Amino acid sequence: MGRRAVILYDVMGTLVSEPFFETVPQFFGMPLEELYRVKDRYSWVDFERGFIDEATHAERFFVDRREWDVDGLKAAMTAHYEWLDGMEALCRRLKDAGYAQHTLSNYPVWYRLIEDKLRVSRYVDWTFVSCHMGFRKPAREAYEFVVDTLDVAAEDCIFIDDRPDNVKGAEAIGMRGVLRVDTPTLIRDLVDLGVPEAAP
C-alpha cells in the first residue's frame, strides 16, 4: 500500500462560501462591475500576500481613497461564511480516518474571521495561507513552499480548488489536482484517487 495522501484545500468556494461576488458589492451598494472599476486593483492582492496590514488596505481599497466602514464589511463577510454543502462532513470523515488536512488559501489575516465562526481547524489546519507565506496561487512558489514545509513528495499531495488555474498550478509541480465542482463529484474523485474514506 502506498503512502497516505496529504489533502490540501483551497478555502473560498471550496470549503466555505465565497462572499466577494454578492455580499461585498451589496455592502457597498454597487454592482460588481462598478466595484471593479473603483477599487484599487492591487490593494487586496498585497493584503492577501501579507505585504500590507488591514489599516493600509483600508486606506488603499478605493482608487479615490474614500473612507469606508471596514468593520461593517468584515461583519457582512462573516455573516456570509458557511460551510459548503457536505464539506464539513467530508473533512470530519477524513480527519477521523487519520488524513493530514491543510489549507492552501489565498487570503489575508481575515481568515481568522472564518476560523472564529466555523472552527475549520477542528478538521483542517490553517497551515498555508498566503498572508503568511507571501505567495499566492497559482504561483509555482506557493506549491513548492507546501512540499518543502511538509517535507513530502508533490505526488503524495492531493490539492482541491474550485478554480482551474490553481489546480493546474498544483499539477505543474506534480501534485494530484482536483477541481471542485460539487461535493458528490469531489467525493467520487477522491475515491478514484485512492481515498476510499471520502465516501460516506
C-alpha atoms as a PDB file:
ATOM      1  CA  MET A   1       0.000   0.000   0.000  1.00  0.00           C
ATOM      2  CA  GLY A   2       1.319   3.466  -0.896  1.00  0.00           C
ATOM      3  CA  ARG A   3       1.742   6.375   1.420  1.00  0.00           C
ATOM      4  CA  ARG A   4      -1.434   8.030   2.636  1.00  0.00           C
ATOM      5  CA  ALA A   5      -2.160  11.225   0.734  1.00  0.00           C
ATOM      6  CA  VAL A   6      -1.881  14.673   2.256  1.00  0.00           C
ATOM      7  CA  ILE A   7      -5.067  16.616   1.496  1.00  0.00           C
ATOM      8  CA  LEU A   8      -4.783  20.328   0.683  1.00  0.00           C
ATOM      9  CA  TYR A   9      -7.797  22.589   0.311  1.00  0.00           C
ATOM     10  CA  ASP A  10      -8.445  25.981  -1.093  1.00  0.00           C
ATOM     11  CA  VAL A  11     -10.932  27.650   1.262  1.00  0.00           C
ATOM     12  CA  MET A  12     -13.169  30.161  -0.538  1.00  0.00           C
ATOM     13  CA  GLY A  13     -15.522  28.381  -2.894  1.00  0.00           C
ATOM     14  CA  THR A  14     -14.055  25.009  -1.909  1.00  0.00           C
ATOM     15  CA  LEU A  15     -14.703  24.601   1.818  1.00  0.00           C
ATOM     16  CA  VAL A  16     -16.551  27.825   2.601  1.00  0.00           C
ATOM     17  CA  SER A  17     -18.970  30.081   0.722  1.00  0.00           C
ATOM     18  CA  GLU A  18     -17.314  32.971  -1.145  1.00  0.00           C
ATOM     19  CA  PRO A  19     -18.651  36.433  -0.130  1.00  0.00           C
ATOM     20  CA  PHE A  20     -16.906  38.574  -2.735  1.00  0.00           C
ATOM     21  CA  PHE A  21     -19.236  38.257  -5.707  1.00  0.00           C
ATOM     22  CA  GLU A  22     -22.510  39.062  -3.923  1.00  0.00           C
ATOM     23  CA  THR A  23     -22.076  40.150  -0.308  1.00  0.00           C
ATOM     24  CA  VAL A  24     -19.264  42.641  -0.898  1.00  0.00           C
ATOM     25  CA  PRO A  25     -20.942  44.513  -3.797  1.00  0.00           C
ATOM     26  CA  GLN A  26     -24.200  44.581  -1.837  1.00  0.00           C
ATOM     27  CA  PHE A  27     -22.387  46.058   1.145  1.00  0.00           C
ATOM     28  CA  PHE A  28     -21.022  48.893  -0.982  1.00  0.00           C
ATOM     29  CA  GLY A  29     -24.320  49.359  -2.800  1.00  0.00           C
ATOM     30  CA  MET A  30     -22.946  48.884  -6.292  1.00  0.00           C
ATOM     31  CA  PRO A  31     -22.825  46.165  -8.938  1.00  0.00           C
ATOM     32  CA  LEU A  32     -19.707  44.006  -9.040  1.00  0.00           C
ATOM     33  CA  GLU A  33     -18.640  45.563 -12.351  1.00  0.00           C
ATOM     34  CA  GLU A  34     -18.689  49.044 -10.812  1.00  0.00           C
ATOM     35  CA  LEU A  35     -16.793  47.845  -7.758  1.00  0.00           C
ATOM     36  CA  TYR A  36     -14.060  46.517 -10.043  1.00  0.00           C
ATOM     37  CA  ARG A  37     -13.817  49.940 -11.665  1.00  0.00           C
ATOM     38  CA  VAL A  38     -13.483  51.973  -8.476  1.00  0.00           C
ATOM     39  CA  LYS A  39     -11.390  49.725  -6.224  1.00  0.00           C
ATOM     40  CA  ASP A  40      -7.602  49.633  -6.200  1.00  0.00           C
ATOM     41  CA  ARG A  41      -6.655  46.550  -8.196  1.00  0.00           C
ATOM     42  CA  TYR A  42      -3.523  45.869  -6.124  1.00  0.00           C
ATOM     43  CA  SER A  43      -4.632  46.526  -2.544  1.00  0.00           C
ATOM     44  CA  TRP A  44      -6.383  43.203  -1.909  1.00  0.00           C
ATOM     45  CA  VAL A  45      -3.569  41.225  -3.511  1.00  0.00           C
ATOM     46  CA  ASP A  46      -0.983  42.967  -1.339  1.00  0.00           C
ATOM     47  CA  PHE A  47      -3.196  42.371   1.712  1.00  0.00           C
ATOM     48  CA  GLU A  48      -3.501  38.690   0.796  1.00  0.00           C
ATOM     49  CA  ARG A  49       0.260  38.365   0.472  1.00  0.00           C
ATOM     50  CA  GLY A  50       0.824  39.996   3.849  1.00  0.00           C
ATOM     51  CA  PHE A  51       2.665  42.941   2.295  1.00  0.00           C
ATOM     52  CA  ILE A  52       0.308  45.479   3.902  1.00  0.00           C
ATOM     53  CA  ASP A  53      -1.768  45.469   7.081  1.00  0.00           C
ATOM     54  CA  GLU A  54      -5.513  45.988   7.472  1.00  0.00           C
ATOM     55  CA  ALA A  55      -5.252  49.744   8.029  1.00  0.00           C
ATOM     56  CA  THR A  56      -3.191  50.255   4.876  1.00  0.00           C
ATOM     57  CA  HIS A  57      -5.545  48.052   2.897  1.00  0.00           C
ATOM     58  CA  ALA A  58      -8.480  50.155   4.106  1.00  0.00           C
ATOM     59  CA  GLU A  59      -6.734  53.347   3.027  1.00  0.00           C
ATOM     60  CA  ARG A  60      -5.924  51.938  -0.403  1.00  0.00           C
ATOM     61  CA  PHE A  61      -9.106  49.972  -1.102  1.00  0.00           C
ATOM     62  CA  PHE A  62     -10.684  52.608  -3.352  1.00  0.00           C
ATOM     63  CA  VAL A  63      -8.799  54.409  -6.094  1.00  0.00           C
ATOM     64  CA  ASP A  64     -10.118  57.755  -4.847  1.00  0.00           C
ATOM     65  CA  ARG A  65      -9.120  56.836  -1.260  1.00  0.00           C
ATOM     66  CA  ARG A  66     -12.618  57.449   0.135  1.00  0.00           C
ATOM     67  CA  GLU A  67     -13.343  56.406   3.711  1.00  0.00           C
ATOM     68  CA  TRP A  68     -15.468  53.329   4.288  1.00  0.00           C
ATOM     69  CA  ASP A  69     -16.674  51.054   7.087  1.00  0.00           C
ATOM     70  CA  VAL A  70     -14.066  48.313   7.423  1.00  0.00           C
ATOM     71  CA  ASP A  71     -15.671  46.721  10.474  1.00  0.00           C
ATOM     72  CA  GLY A  72     -19.039  46.740   8.726  1.00  0.00           C
ATOM     73  CA  LEU A  73     -17.594  44.870   5.741  1.00  0.00           C
ATOM     74  CA  LYS A  74     -15.920  42.318   7.994  1.00  0.00           C
ATOM     75  CA  ALA A  75     -19.236  41.739   9.771  1.00  0.00           C
ATOM     76  CA  ALA A  76     -21.075  41.306   6.463  1.00  0.00           C
ATOM     77  CA  MET A  77     -18.476  38.848   5.210  1.00  0.00           C
ATOM     78  CA  THR A  78     -18.550  36.920   8.474  1.00  0.00           C
ATOM     79  CA  ALA A  79     -22.327  36.609   8.260  1.00  0.00           C
ATOM     80  CA  HIS A  80     -21.909  35.094   4.775  1.00  0.00           C
ATOM     81  CA  TYR A  81     -19.303  32.476   5.685  1.00  0.00           C
ATOM     82  CA  GLU A  82     -20.813  28.992   5.809  1.00  0.00           C
ATOM     83  CA  TRP A  83     -19.555  25.502   5.111  1.00  0.00           C
ATOM     84  CA  LEU A  84     -20.435  24.434   1.581  1.00  0.00           C
ATOM     85  CA  ASP A  85     -22.886  21.553   1.468  1.00  0.00           C
ATOM     86  CA  GLY A  86     -21.253  18.316   2.569  1.00  0.00           C
ATOM     87  CA  MET A  87     -17.758  19.715   3.069  1.00  0.00           C
ATOM     88  CA  GLU A  88     -17.708  19.749   6.853  1.00  0.00           C
ATOM     89  CA  ALA A  89     -18.838  16.114   6.913  1.00  0.00           C
ATOM     90  CA  LEU A  90     -16.167  15.182   4.350  1.00  0.00           C
ATOM     91  CA  CYS A  91     -13.420  16.891   6.336  1.00  0.00           C
ATOM     92  CA  ARG A  92     -14.643  15.184   9.508  1.00  0.00           C
ATOM     93  CA  ARG A  93     -14.557  11.739   7.872  1.00  0.00           C
ATOM     94  CA  LEU A  94     -11.032  12.264   6.600  1.00  0.00           C
ATOM     95  CA  LYS A  95      -9.904  13.617   9.965  1.00  0.00           C
ATOM     96  CA  ASP A  96     -11.370  10.578  11.729  1.00  0.00           C
ATOM     97  CA  ALA A  97      -9.614   8.321   9.191  1.00  0.00           C
ATOM     98  CA  GLY A  98      -6.270   9.895  10.048  1.00  0.00           C
ATOM     99  CA  TYR A  99      -5.588  12.008   6.970  1.00  0.00           C
ATOM    100  CA  ALA A 100      -3.462  15.121   7.327  1.00  0.00           C
ATOM    101  CA  GLN A 101      -5.502  18.043   6.003  1.00  0.00           C
ATOM    102  CA  HIS A 102      -4.195  21.556   5.391  1.00  0.00           C
ATOM    103  CA  THR A 103      -5.453  24.769   3.863  1.00  0.00           C
ATOM    104  CA  LEU A 104      -3.702  26.243   0.841  1.00  0.00           C
ATOM    105  CA  SER A 105      -5.557  29.528   0.612  1.00  0.00           C
ATOM    106  CA  ASN A 106      -5.177  32.952  -0.940  1.00  0.00           C
ATOM    107  CA  TYR A 107      -6.485  35.098   1.913  1.00  0.00           C
ATOM    108  CA  PRO A 108      -5.425  37.925   4.225  1.00  0.00           C
ATOM    109  CA  VAL A 109      -5.456  37.798   8.011  1.00  0.00           C
ATOM    110  CA  TRP A 110      -9.243  37.935   7.784  1.00  0.00           C
ATOM    111  CA  TYR A 111      -9.133  34.146   7.502  1.00  0.00           C
ATOM    112  CA  ARG A 112      -9.340  34.320  11.295  1.00  0.00           C
ATOM    113  CA  LEU A 113     -12.937  35.518  10.919  1.00  0.00           C
ATOM    114  CA  ILE A 114     -13.725  32.233   9.170  1.00  0.00           C
ATOM    115  CA  GLU A 115     -11.979  30.240  11.874  1.00  0.00           C
ATOM    116  CA  ASP A 116     -13.754  32.103  14.668  1.00  0.00           C
ATOM    117  CA  LYS A 117     -17.155  31.365  13.121  1.00  0.00           C
ATOM    118  CA  LEU A 118     -16.757  27.879  11.630  1.00  0.00           C
ATOM    119  CA  ARG A 119     -13.774  26.413  13.520  1.00  0.00           C
ATOM    120  CA  VAL A 120     -12.304  24.913  10.388  1.00  0.00           C
ATOM    121  CA  SER A 121      -9.236  23.870  12.385  1.00  0.00           C
ATOM    122  CA  ARG A 122     -11.226  21.078  14.048  1.00  0.00           C
ATOM    123  CA  TYR A 123     -10.503  19.161  10.837  1.00  0.00           C
ATOM    124  CA  VAL A 124      -8.156  21.177   8.639  1.00  0.00           C
ATOM    125  CA  ASP A 125      -5.036  23.005   9.803  1.00  0.00           C
ATOM    126  CA  TRP A 126      -4.592  26.597   8.614  1.00  0.00           C
ATOM    127  CA  THR A 127      -1.036  25.727   7.607  1.00  0.00           C
ATOM    128  CA  PHE A 128      -0.718  27.558   4.307  1.00  0.00           C
ATOM    129  CA  VAL A 129      -2.366  30.960   3.933  1.00  0.00           C
ATOM    130  CA  SER A 130      -0.939  33.496   1.500  1.00  0.00           C
ATOM    131  CA  CYS A 131      -0.711  36.270   4.098  1.00  0.00           C
ATOM    132  CA  HIS A 132       1.835  34.167   5.981  1.00  0.00           C
ATOM    133  CA  MET A 133       3.577  32.539   3.006  1.00  0.00           C
ATOM    134  CA  GLY A 134       3.965  35.674   0.902  1.00  0.00           C
ATOM    135  CA  PHE A 135       2.932  33.649  -2.169  1.00  0.00           C
ATOM    136  CA  ARG A 136      -0.418  33.359  -3.909  1.00  0.00           C
ATOM    137  CA  LYS A 137      -1.701  30.523  -6.054  1.00  0.00           C
ATOM    138  CA  PRO A 138      -1.188  29.775  -8.863  1.00  0.00           C
ATOM    139  CA  ALA A 139       2.429  30.918  -8.471  1.00  0.00           C
ATOM    140  CA  ARG A 140       4.713  27.888  -8.512  1.00  0.00           C
ATOM    141  CA  GLU A 141       6.385  29.107  -5.314  1.00  0.00           C
ATOM    142  CA  ALA A 142       3.167  28.621  -3.342  1.00  0.00           C
ATOM    143  CA  TYR A 143       3.019  24.897  -4.080  1.00  0.00           C
ATOM    144  CA  GLU A 144       6.757  24.417  -3.667  1.00  0.00           C
ATOM    145  CA  PHE A 145       6.528  26.095  -0.261  1.00  0.00           C
ATOM    146  CA  VAL A 146       3.992  23.455   0.771  1.00  0.00           C
ATOM    147  CA  VAL A 147       6.032  20.402  -0.195  1.00  0.00           C
ATOM    148  CA  ASP A 148       9.202  21.910   1.268  1.00  0.00           C
ATOM    149  CA  THR A 149       7.492  22.757   4.566  1.00  0.00           C
ATOM    150  CA  LEU A 150       5.748  19.407   4.923  1.00  0.00           C
ATOM    151  CA  ASP A 151       8.789  17.530   3.585  1.00  0.00           C
ATOM    152  CA  VAL A 152       6.623  15.374   1.338  1.00  0.00           C
ATOM    153  CA  ALA A 153       6.741  14.455  -2.324  1.00  0.00           C
ATOM    154  CA  ALA A 154       4.449  16.505  -4.548  1.00  0.00           C
ATOM    155  CA  GLU A 155       2.772  13.328  -5.836  1.00  0.00           C
ATOM    156  CA  ASP A 156       1.732  12.476  -2.280  1.00  0.00           C
ATOM    157  CA  CYS A 157      -0.410  15.643  -2.146  1.00  0.00           C
ATOM    158  CA  ILE A 158      -3.993  15.968  -3.359  1.00  0.00           C
ATOM    159  CA  PHE A 159      -4.926  19.603  -3.918  1.00  0.00           C
ATOM    160  CA  ILE A 160      -8.591  20.640  -4.177  1.00  0.00           C
ATOM    161  CA  ASP A 161      -9.698  24.006  -5.542  1.00  0.00           C
ATOM    162  CA  ASP A 162     -12.690  25.452  -7.365  1.00  0.00           C
ATOM    163  CA  ARG A 163     -10.507  27.379  -9.846  1.00  0.00           C
ATOM    164  CA  PRO A 164      -8.921  25.561 -12.792  1.00  0.00           C
ATOM    165  CA  ASP A 165      -5.802  27.750 -12.921  1.00  0.00           C
ATOM    166  CA  ASN A 166      -4.986  26.913  -9.294  1.00  0.00           C
ATOM    167  CA  VAL A 167      -5.463  23.196  -9.930  1.00  0.00           C
ATOM    168  CA  LYS A 168      -3.194  23.399 -12.980  1.00  0.00           C
ATOM    169  CA  GLY A 169      -0.570  25.182 -10.887  1.00  0.00           C
ATOM    170  CA  ALA A 170      -0.567  22.301  -8.404  1.00  0.00           C
ATOM    171  CA  GLU A 171      -0.392  19.710 -11.157  1.00  0.00           C
ATOM    172  CA  ALA A 172       2.538  21.540 -12.736  1.00  0.00           C
ATOM    173  CA  ILE A 173       4.781  20.569  -9.814  1.00  0.00           C
ATOM    174  CA  GLY A 174       3.432  17.021  -9.611  1.00  0.00           C
ATOM    175  CA  MET A 175       0.580  17.287  -7.125  1.00  0.00           C
ATOM    176  CA  ARG A 176      -2.647  15.475  -7.896  1.00  0.00           C
ATOM    177  CA  GLY A 177      -5.192  18.189  -8.575  1.00  0.00           C
ATOM    178  CA  VAL A 178      -8.962  18.004  -8.161  1.00  0.00           C
ATOM    179  CA  LEU A 179     -11.315  20.677  -9.454  1.00  0.00           C
ATOM    180  CA  ARG A 180     -14.216  21.015  -7.030  1.00  0.00           C
ATOM    181  CA  VAL A 181     -17.487  21.369  -8.893  1.00  0.00           C
ATOM    182  CA  ASP A 182     -19.751  19.995  -6.164  1.00  0.00           C
ATOM    183  CA  THR A 183     -19.282  17.760  -3.150  1.00  0.00           C
ATOM    184  CA  PRO A 184     -20.644  14.475  -4.578  1.00  0.00           C
ATOM    185  CA  THR A 185     -18.315  14.766  -7.588  1.00  0.00           C
ATOM    186  CA  LEU A 186     -15.403  15.646  -5.314  1.00  0.00           C
ATOM    187  CA  ILE A 187     -16.050  12.562  -3.194  1.00  0.00           C
ATOM    188  CA  ARG A 188     -16.043  10.344  -6.294  1.00  0.00           C
ATOM    189  CA  ASP A 189     -12.808  11.967  -7.476  1.00  0.00           C
ATOM    190  CA  LEU A 190     -11.142  11.378  -4.103  1.00  0.00           C
ATOM    191  CA  VAL A 191     -12.218   7.734  -4.056  1.00  0.00           C
ATOM    192  CA  ASP A 192     -10.782   7.328  -7.566  1.00  0.00           C
ATOM    193  CA  LEU A 193      -7.507   8.802  -6.275  1.00  0.00           C
ATOM    194  CA  GLY A 194      -7.249   6.194  -3.543  1.00  0.00           C
ATOM    195  CA  VAL A 195      -9.084   7.906  -0.689  1.00  0.00           C
ATOM    196  CA  PRO A 196     -11.962   5.488  -0.032  1.00  0.00           C
ATOM    197  CA  GLU A 197     -12.705   7.058   3.329  1.00  0.00           C
ATOM    198  CA  ALA A 198     -14.067  10.130   1.499  1.00  0.00           C
ATOM    199  CA  ALA A 199     -17.279   8.250   0.784  1.00  0.00           C
ATOM    200  CA  PRO A 200     -19.992   8.379   3.452  1.00  0.00           C
END
